[in-house]
Amino acid sequence: MPVVFKKEFRLKVFILFASLALAGLLGGCSSEQFYASGQNWQRNECNKLLDAQERGRCMKSASTSYETYRQQAERVKP
């Protein structure tokens, strides 16, 4: 069951970010606003997790600042 949940969670995250990307393109949102919306959604999803350790890891991931995210993304670019 946990493996299925993770696949479903990943699918939801993908759909969310795809939807936000489209909304951002159509609505003129800045990248930072787009990122903040995704982080808020992720925190809401984290709060649904029953396991405290998993919830903590999820919240830590959802608390990454936009600047840190940009720096990490730049490092991975080819």
PDB file of N, CA and C in Angstrom:
ATOM      1  N   MET A   1       0.806  -1.206   0.000  1.00  0.00           N
ATOM      2  CA  MET A   1       0.000   0.000   0.000  1.00  0.00           C
ATOM      3  C   MET A   1       0.852   1.275   0.000  1.00  0.00           C
ATOM      4  N   PRO A   2       1.923   1.396   0.780  1.00  0.00           N
ATOM      5  CA  PRO A   2       2.711   2.626   0.749  1.00  0.00           C
ATOM      6  C   PRO A   2       3.302   2.918  -0.626  1.00  0.00           C
ATOM      7  N   VAL A   3       3.692   1.874  -1.378  1.00  0.00           N
ATOM      8  CA  VAL A   3       4.285   2.090  -2.691  1.00  0.00           C
ATOM      9  C   VAL A   3       3.249   2.692  -3.634  1.00  0.00           C
ATOM     10  N   VAL A   4       2.020   2.199  -3.575  1.00  0.00           N
ATOM     11  CA  VAL A   4       0.954   2.723  -4.413  1.00  0.00           C
ATOM     12  C   VAL A   4       0.687   4.183  -4.060  1.00  0.00           C
ATOM     13  N   PHE A   5       0.670   4.479  -2.757  1.00  0.00           N
ATOM     14  CA  PHE A   5       0.441   5.855  -2.333  1.00  0.00           C
ATOM     15  C   PHE A   5       1.511   6.768  -2.911  1.00  0.00           C
ATOM     16  N   LYS A   6       2.747   6.316  -2.891  1.00  0.00           N
ATOM     17  CA  LYS A   6       3.826   7.158  -3.400  1.00  0.00           C
ATOM     18  C   LYS A   6       3.650   7.416  -4.890  1.00  0.00           C
ATOM     19  N   LYS A   7       3.225   6.397  -5.649  1.00  0.00           N
ATOM     20  CA  LYS A   7       3.003   6.589  -7.077  1.00  0.00           C
ATOM     21  C   LYS A   7       1.851   7.557  -7.296  1.00  0.00           C
ATOM     22  N   GLU A   8       0.792   7.403  -6.522  1.00  0.00           N
ATOM     23  CA  GLU A   8      -0.347   8.311  -6.642  1.00  0.00           C
ATOM     24  C   GLU A   8       0.069   9.728  -6.263  1.00  0.00           C
ATOM     25  N   PHE A   9       0.881   9.861  -5.224  1.00  0.00           N
ATOM     26  CA  PHE A   9       1.357  11.169  -4.781  1.00  0.00           C
ATOM     27  C   PHE A   9       2.186  11.820  -5.870  1.00  0.00           C
ATOM     28  N   ARG A  10       3.066  11.050  -6.486  1.00  0.00           N
ATOM     29  CA  ARG A  10       3.896  11.597  -7.566  1.00  0.00           C
ATOM     30  C   ARG A  10       3.038  12.063  -8.733  1.00  0.00           C
ATOM     31  N   LEU A  11       2.011  11.282  -9.056  1.00  0.00           N
ATOM     32  CA  LEU A  11       1.116  11.654 -10.146  1.00  0.00           C
ATOM     33  C   LEU A  11       0.387  12.950  -9.807  1.00  0.00           C
ATOM     34  N   LYS A  12      -0.074  13.068  -8.557  1.00  0.00           N
ATOM     35  CA  LYS A  12      -0.752  14.291  -8.138  1.00  0.00           C
ATOM     36  C   LYS A  12       0.191  15.488  -8.219  1.00  0.00           C
ATOM     37  N   VAL A  13       1.434  15.293  -7.799  1.00  0.00           N
ATOM     38  CA  VAL A  13       2.417  16.376  -7.847  1.00  0.00           C
ATOM     39  C   VAL A  13       2.657  16.794  -9.301  1.00  0.00           C
ATOM     40  N   PHE A  14       2.794  15.819 -10.172  1.00  0.00           N
ATOM     41  CA  PHE A  14       3.007  16.124 -11.592  1.00  0.00           C
ATOM     42  C   PHE A  14       1.829  16.902 -12.157  1.00  0.00           C
ATOM     43  N   ILE A  15       0.619  16.429 -11.874  1.00  0.00           N
ATOM     44  CA  ILE A  15      -0.576  17.108 -12.383  1.00  0.00           C
ATOM     45  C   ILE A  15      -0.663  18.524 -11.825  1.00  0.00           C
ATOM     46  N   LEU A  16      -0.354  18.665 -10.544  1.00  0.00           N
ATOM     47  CA  LEU A  16      -0.395  19.998  -9.935  1.00  0.00           C
ATOM     48  C   LEU A  16       0.576  20.948 -10.627  1.00  0.00           C
ATOM     49  N   PHE A  17       1.826  20.518 -10.778  1.00  0.00           N
ATOM     50  CA  PHE A  17       2.822  21.397 -11.364  1.00  0.00           C
ATOM     51  C   PHE A  17       2.522  21.688 -12.834  1.00  0.00           C
ATOM     52  N   ALA A  18       1.980  20.709 -13.540  1.00  0.00           N
ATOM     53  CA  ALA A  18       1.592  20.948 -14.933  1.00  0.00           C
ATOM     54  C   ALA A  18       0.464  21.971 -14.993  1.00  0.00           C
ATOM     55  N   SER A  19      -0.497  21.838 -14.091  1.00  0.00           N
ATOM     56  CA  SER A  19      -1.618  22.782 -14.041  1.00  0.00           C
ATOM     57  C   SER A  19      -1.134  24.174 -13.660  1.00  0.00           C
ATOM     58  N   LEU A  20      -0.256  24.239 -12.673  1.00  0.00           N
ATOM     59  CA  LEU A  20       0.266  25.532 -12.248  1.00  0.00           C
ATOM     60  C   LEU A  20       1.099  26.182 -13.350  1.00  0.00           C
ATOM     61  N   ALA A  21       1.834  25.361 -14.086  1.00  0.00           N
ATOM     62  CA  ALA A  21       2.635  25.905 -15.184  1.00  0.00           C
ATOM     63  C   ALA A  21       1.730  26.525 -16.238  1.00  0.00           C
ATOM     64  N   LEU A  22       0.667  25.822 -16.565  1.00  0.00           N
ATOM     65  CA  LEU A  22      -0.273  26.357 -17.540  1.00  0.00           C
ATOM     66  C   LEU A  22      -0.927  27.634 -17.020  1.00  0.00           C
ATOM     67  N   ALA A  23      -1.350  27.597 -15.763  1.00  0.00           N
ATOM     68  CA  ALA A  23      -1.975  28.787 -15.171  1.00  0.00           C
ATOM     69  C   ALA A  23      -0.981  29.948 -15.126  1.00  0.00           C
ATOM     70  N   GLY A  24       0.267  29.637 -14.810  1.00  0.00           N
ATOM     71  CA  GLY A  24       1.290  30.680 -14.768  1.00  0.00           C
ATOM     72  C   GLY A  24       1.525  31.305 -16.120  1.00  0.00           C
ATOM     73  N   LEU A  25       1.522  30.487 -17.150  1.00  0.00           N
ATOM     74  CA  LEU A  25       1.716  31.014 -18.495  1.00  0.00           C
ATOM     75  C   LEU A  25       0.528  31.872 -18.927  1.00  0.00           C
ATOM     76  N   LEU A  26      -0.652  31.417 -18.575  1.00  0.00           N
ATOM     77  CA  LEU A  26      -1.850  32.149 -18.984  1.00  0.00           C
ATOM     78  C   LEU A  26      -2.116  33.364 -18.099  1.00  0.00           C
ATOM     79  N   GLY A  27      -1.755  33.263 -16.820  1.00  0.00           N
ATOM     80  CA  GLY A  27      -2.082  34.328 -15.897  1.00  0.00           C
ATOM     81  C   GLY A  27      -0.957  35.278 -15.595  1.00  0.00           C
ATOM     82  N   GLY A  28       0.212  35.030 -16.091  1.00  0.00           N
ATOM     83  CA  GLY A  28       1.325  35.934 -15.875  1.00  0.00           C
ATOM     84  C   GLY A  28       1.962  35.834 -14.498  1.00  0.00           C
ATOM     85  N   CYS A  29       1.831  34.699 -13.817  1.00  0.00           N
ATOM     86  CA  CYS A  29       2.454  34.529 -12.499  1.00  0.00           C
ATOM     87  C   CYS A  29       3.971  34.510 -12.630  1.00  0.00           C
ATOM     88  N   SER A  30       4.628  35.023 -11.611  1.00  0.00           N
ATOM     89  CA  SER A  30       6.081  34.939 -11.602  1.00  0.00           C
ATOM     90  C   SER A  30       6.491  33.526 -11.191  1.00  0.00           C
ATOM     91  N   SER A  31       7.700  33.163 -11.478  1.00  0.00           N
ATOM     92  CA  SER A  31       8.213  31.843 -11.107  1.00  0.00           C
ATOM     93  C   SER A  31       8.141  31.635  -9.595  1.00  0.00           C
ATOM     94  N   GLU A  32       8.433  32.684  -8.868  1.00  0.00           N
ATOM     95  CA  GLU A  32       8.418  32.579  -7.410  1.00  0.00           C
ATOM     96  C   GLU A  32       6.998  32.366  -6.880  1.00  0.00           C
ATOM     97  N   GLN A  33       6.023  33.031  -7.463  1.00  0.00           N
ATOM     98  CA  GLN A  33       4.633  32.826  -7.059  1.00  0.00           C
ATOM     99  C   GLN A  33       4.186  31.414  -7.398  1.00  0.00           C
ATOM    100  N   PHE A  34       4.575  30.950  -8.554  1.00  0.00           N
ATOM    101  CA  PHE A  34       4.275  29.594  -8.991  1.00  0.00           C
ATOM    102  C   PHE A  34       4.863  28.586  -8.011  1.00  0.00           C
ATOM    103  N   TYR A  35       6.113  28.792  -7.636  1.00  0.00           N
ATOM    104  CA  TYR A  35       6.786  27.899  -6.696  1.00  0.00           C
ATOM    105  C   TYR A  35       6.083  27.917  -5.336  1.00  0.00           C
ATOM    106  N   ALA A  36       5.707  29.082  -4.848  1.00  0.00           N
ATOM    107  CA  ALA A  36       5.033  29.210  -3.554  1.00  0.00           C
ATOM    108  C   ALA A  36       3.696  28.471  -3.553  1.00  0.00           C
ATOM    109  N   SER A  37       2.973  28.536  -4.650  1.00  0.00           N
ATOM    110  CA  SER A  37       1.700  27.812  -4.745  1.00  0.00           C
ATOM    111  C   SER A  37       1.928  26.311  -4.640  1.00  0.00           C
ATOM    112  N   GLY A  38       2.940  25.840  -5.337  1.00  0.00           N
ATOM    113  CA  GLY A  38       3.277  24.409  -5.271  1.00  0.00           C
ATOM    114  C   GLY A  38       3.697  23.992  -3.870  1.00  0.00           C
ATOM    115  N   GLN A  39       4.467  24.824  -3.203  1.00  0.00           N
ATOM    116  CA  GLN A  39       4.911  24.523  -1.836  1.00  0.00           C
ATOM    117  C   GLN A  39       3.718  24.468  -0.876  1.00  0.00           C
ATOM    118  N   ASN A  40       2.787  25.396  -1.013  1.00  0.00           N
ATOM    119  CA  ASN A  40       1.599  25.380  -0.160  1.00  0.00           C
ATOM    120  C   ASN A  40       0.780  24.113  -0.371  1.00  0.00           C
ATOM    121  N   TRP A  41       0.629  23.725  -1.623  1.00  0.00           N
ATOM    122  CA  TRP A  41      -0.103  22.492  -1.916  1.00  0.00           C
ATOM    123  C   TRP A  41       0.624  21.295  -1.302  1.00  0.00           C
ATOM    124  N   GLN A  42       1.945  21.260  -1.448  1.00  0.00           N
ATOM    125  CA  GLN A  42       2.714  20.139  -0.912  1.00  0.00           C
ATOM    126  C   GLN A  42       2.584  20.076   0.609  1.00  0.00           C
ATOM    127  N   ARG A  43       2.618  21.209   1.296  1.00  0.00           N
ATOM    128  CA  ARG A  43       2.449  21.216   2.758  1.00  0.00           C
ATOM    129  C   ARG A  43       1.083  20.667   3.153  1.00  0.00           C
ATOM    130  N   ASN A  44       0.058  21.022   2.405  1.00  0.00           N
ATOM    131  CA  ASN A  44      -1.271  20.474   2.678  1.00  0.00           C
ATOM    132  C   ASN A  44      -1.284  18.959   2.514  1.00  0.00           C
ATOM    133  N   GLU A  45      -0.603  18.475   1.490  1.00  0.00           N
ATOM    134  CA  GLU A  45      -0.521  17.025   1.285  1.00  0.00           C
ATOM    135  C   GLU A  45       0.286  16.364   2.404  1.00  0.00           C
ATOM    136  N   CYS A  46       1.344  17.009   2.856  1.00  0.00           N
ATOM    137  CA  CYS A  46       2.166  16.475   3.951  1.00  0.00           C
ATOM    138  C   CYS A  46       1.320  16.293   5.208  1.00  0.00           C
ATOM    139  N   ASN A  47       0.455  17.245   5.472  1.00  0.00           N
ATOM    140  CA  ASN A  47      -0.369  17.182   6.678  1.00  0.00           C
ATOM    141  C   ASN A  47      -1.341  16.012   6.667  1.00  0.00           C
ATOM    142  N   LYS A  48      -1.559  15.405   5.522  1.00  0.00           N
ATOM    143  CA  LYS A  48      -2.448  14.247   5.423  1.00  0.00           C
ATOM    144  C   LYS A  48      -1.740  12.944   5.797  1.00  0.00           C
ATOM    145  N   LEU A  49      -0.410  12.975   5.843  1.00  0.00           N
ATOM    146  CA  LEU A  49       0.362  11.768   6.151  1.00  0.00           C
ATOM    147  C   LEU A  49       0.226  11.415   7.631  1.00  0.00           C
ATOM    148  N   LEU A  50       0.022  10.141   7.907  1.00  0.00           N
ATOM    149  CA  LEU A  50      -0.165   9.701   9.284  1.00  0.00           C
ATOM    150  C   LEU A  50       1.160   9.475  10.009  1.00  0.00           C
ATOM    151  N   ASP A  51       2.153   8.953   9.305  1.00  0.00           N
ATOM    152  CA  ASP A  51       3.444   8.663   9.917  1.00  0.00           C
ATOM    153  C   ASP A  51       4.189   9.968  10.194  1.00  0.00           C
ATOM    154  N   ALA A  52       4.552  10.184  11.455  1.00  0.00           N
ATOM    155  CA  ALA A  52       5.184  11.448  11.861  1.00  0.00           C
ATOM    156  C   ALA A  52       6.529  11.672  11.175  1.00  0.00           C
ATOM    157  N   GLN A  53       7.331  10.619  11.019  1.00  0.00           N
ATOM    158  CA  GLN A  53       8.639  10.785  10.378  1.00  0.00           C
ATOM    159  C   GLN A  53       8.484  11.130   8.900  1.00  0.00           C
ATOM    160  N   GLU A  54       7.577  10.433   8.237  1.00  0.00           N
ATOM    161  CA  GLU A  54       7.347  10.706   6.822  1.00  0.00           C
ATOM    162  C   GLU A  54       6.784  12.120   6.638  1.00  0.00           C
ATOM    163  N   ARG A  55       5.876  12.515   7.533  1.00  0.00           N
ATOM    164  CA  ARG A  55       5.305  13.864   7.485  1.00  0.00           C
ATOM    165  C   ARG A  55       6.406  14.908   7.690  1.00  0.00           C
ATOM    166  N   GLY A  56       7.321  14.643   8.628  1.00  0.00           N
ATOM    167  CA  GLY A  56       8.421  15.564   8.883  1.00  0.00           C
ATOM    168  C   GLY A  56       9.330  15.722   7.680  1.00  0.00           C
ATOM    169  N   ARG A  57       9.659  14.605   7.023  1.00  0.00           N
ATOM    170  CA  ARG A  57      10.497  14.670   5.817  1.00  0.00           C
ATOM    171  C   ARG A  57       9.782  15.443   4.714  1.00  0.00           C
ATOM    172  N   CYS A  58       8.501  15.182   4.604  1.00  0.00           N
ATOM    173  CA  CYS A  58       7.701  15.862   3.586  1.00  0.00           C
ATOM    174  C   CYS A  58       7.679  17.373   3.845  1.00  0.00           C
ATOM    175  N   MET A  59       7.456  17.751   5.098  1.00  0.00           N
ATOM    176  CA  MET A  59       7.397  19.178   5.442  1.00  0.00           C
ATOM    177  C   MET A  59       8.754  19.860   5.233  1.00  0.00           C
ATOM    178  N   LYS A  60       9.824  19.137   5.528  1.00  0.00           N
ATOM    179  CA  LYS A  60      11.155  19.698   5.310  1.00  0.00           C
ATOM    180  C   LYS A  60      11.372  19.984   3.824  1.00  0.00           C
ATOM    181  N   SER A  61      10.951  19.038   3.000  1.00  0.00           N
ATOM    182  CA  SER A  61      11.071  19.220   1.558  1.00  0.00           C
ATOM    183  C   SER A  61      10.204  20.383   1.083  1.00  0.00           C
ATOM    184  N   ALA A  62       9.029  20.529   1.678  1.00  0.00           N
ATOM    185  CA  ALA A  62       8.100  21.592   1.284  1.00  0.00           C
ATOM    186  C   ALA A  62       8.521  22.956   1.813  1.00  0.00           C
ATOM    187  N   SER A  63       9.538  22.997   2.639  1.00  0.00           N
ATOM    188  CA  SER A  63       9.980  24.261   3.235  1.00  0.00           C
ATOM    189  C   SER A  63      11.226  24.827   2.563  1.00  0.00           C
ATOM    190  N   THR A  64      11.647  24.218   1.478  1.00  0.00           N
ATOM    191  CA  THR A  64      12.819  24.715   0.754  1.00  0.00           C
ATOM    192  C   THR A  64      12.491  26.081   0.153  1.00  0.00           C
ATOM    193  N   SER A  65      13.332  27.054   0.420  1.00  0.00           N
ATOM    194  CA  SER A  65      13.087  28.403  -0.101  1.00  0.00           C
ATOM    195  C   SER A  65      13.232  28.416  -1.623  1.00  0.00           C
ATOM    196  N   TYR A  66      12.614  29.411  -2.235  1.00  0.00           N
ATOM    197  CA  TYR A  66      12.692  29.549  -3.690  1.00  0.00           C
ATOM    198  C   TYR A  66      14.132  29.755  -4.135  1.00  0.00           C
ATOM    199  N   GLU A  67      14.875  30.542  -3.385  1.00  0.00           N
ATOM    200  CA  GLU A  67      16.279  30.806  -3.739  1.00  0.00           C
ATOM    201  C   GLU A  67      17.104  29.516  -3.700  1.00  0.00           C
ATOM    202  N   THR A  68      16.914  28.713  -2.658  1.00  0.00           N
ATOM    203  CA  THR A  68      17.619  27.430  -2.554  1.00  0.00           C
ATOM    204  C   THR A  68      17.228  26.519  -3.710  1.00  0.00           C
ATOM    205  N   TYR A  69      15.934  26.492  -4.010  1.00  0.00           N
ATOM    206  CA  TYR A  69      15.441  25.683  -5.130  1.00  0.00           C
ATOM    207  C   TYR A  69      16.124  26.102  -6.438  1.00  0.00           C
ATOM    208  N   ARG A  70      16.202  27.423  -6.689  1.00  0.00           N
ATOM    209  CA  ARG A  70      16.847  27.913  -7.911  1.00  0.00           C
ATOM    210  C   ARG A  70      18.315  27.522  -7.969  1.00  0.00           C
ATOM    211  N   GLN A  71      19.015  27.635  -6.840  1.00  0.00           N
ATOM    212  CA  GLN A  71      20.428  27.269  -6.805  1.00  0.00           C
ATOM    213  C   GLN A  71      20.613  25.785  -7.106  1.00  0.00           C
ATOM    214  N   GLN A  72      19.762  24.951  -6.522  1.00  0.00           N
ATOM    215  CA  GLN A  72      19.843  23.513  -6.768  1.00  0.00           C
ATOM    216  C   GLN A  72      19.533  23.206  -8.231  1.00  0.00           C
ATOM    217  N   ALA A  73      18.553  23.880  -8.785  1.00  0.00           N
ATOM    218  CA  ALA A  73      18.181  23.652 -10.182  1.00  0.00           C
ATOM    219  C   ALA A  73      19.316  24.064 -11.121  1.00  0.00           C
ATOM    220  N   GLU A  74      19.999  25.141 -10.807  1.00  0.00           N
ATOM    221  CA  GLU A  74      21.117  25.595 -11.639  1.00  0.00           C
ATOM    222  C   GLU A  74      22.264  24.589 -11.627  1.00  0.00           C
ATOM    223  N   ARG A  75      22.492  23.963 -10.470  1.00  0.00           N
ATOM    224  CA  ARG A  75      23.587  22.996 -10.363  1.00  0.00           C
ATOM    225  C   ARG A  75      23.337  21.755 -11.207  1.00  0.00           C
ATOM    226  N   VAL A  76      22.072  21.416 -11.429  1.00  0.00           N
ATOM    227  CA  VAL A  76      21.757  20.190 -12.146  1.00  0.00           C
ATOM    228  C   VAL A  76      21.679  20.410 -13.652  1.00  0.00           C
ATOM    229  N   LYS A  77      21.577  21.647 -14.071  1.00  0.00           N
ATOM    230  CA  LYS A  77      21.494  21.923 -15.506  1.00  0.00           C
ATOM    231  C   LYS A  77      22.780  21.469 -16.213  1.00  0.00           C
ATOM    232  N   PRO A  78      22.588  20.910 -17.417  1.00  0.00           N
ATOM    233  CA  PRO A  78      23.768  20.452 -18.182  1.00  0.00           C
ATOM    234  C   PRO A  78      24.581  21.587 -18.739  1.00  0.00           C
TER     235      PRO A  78
END
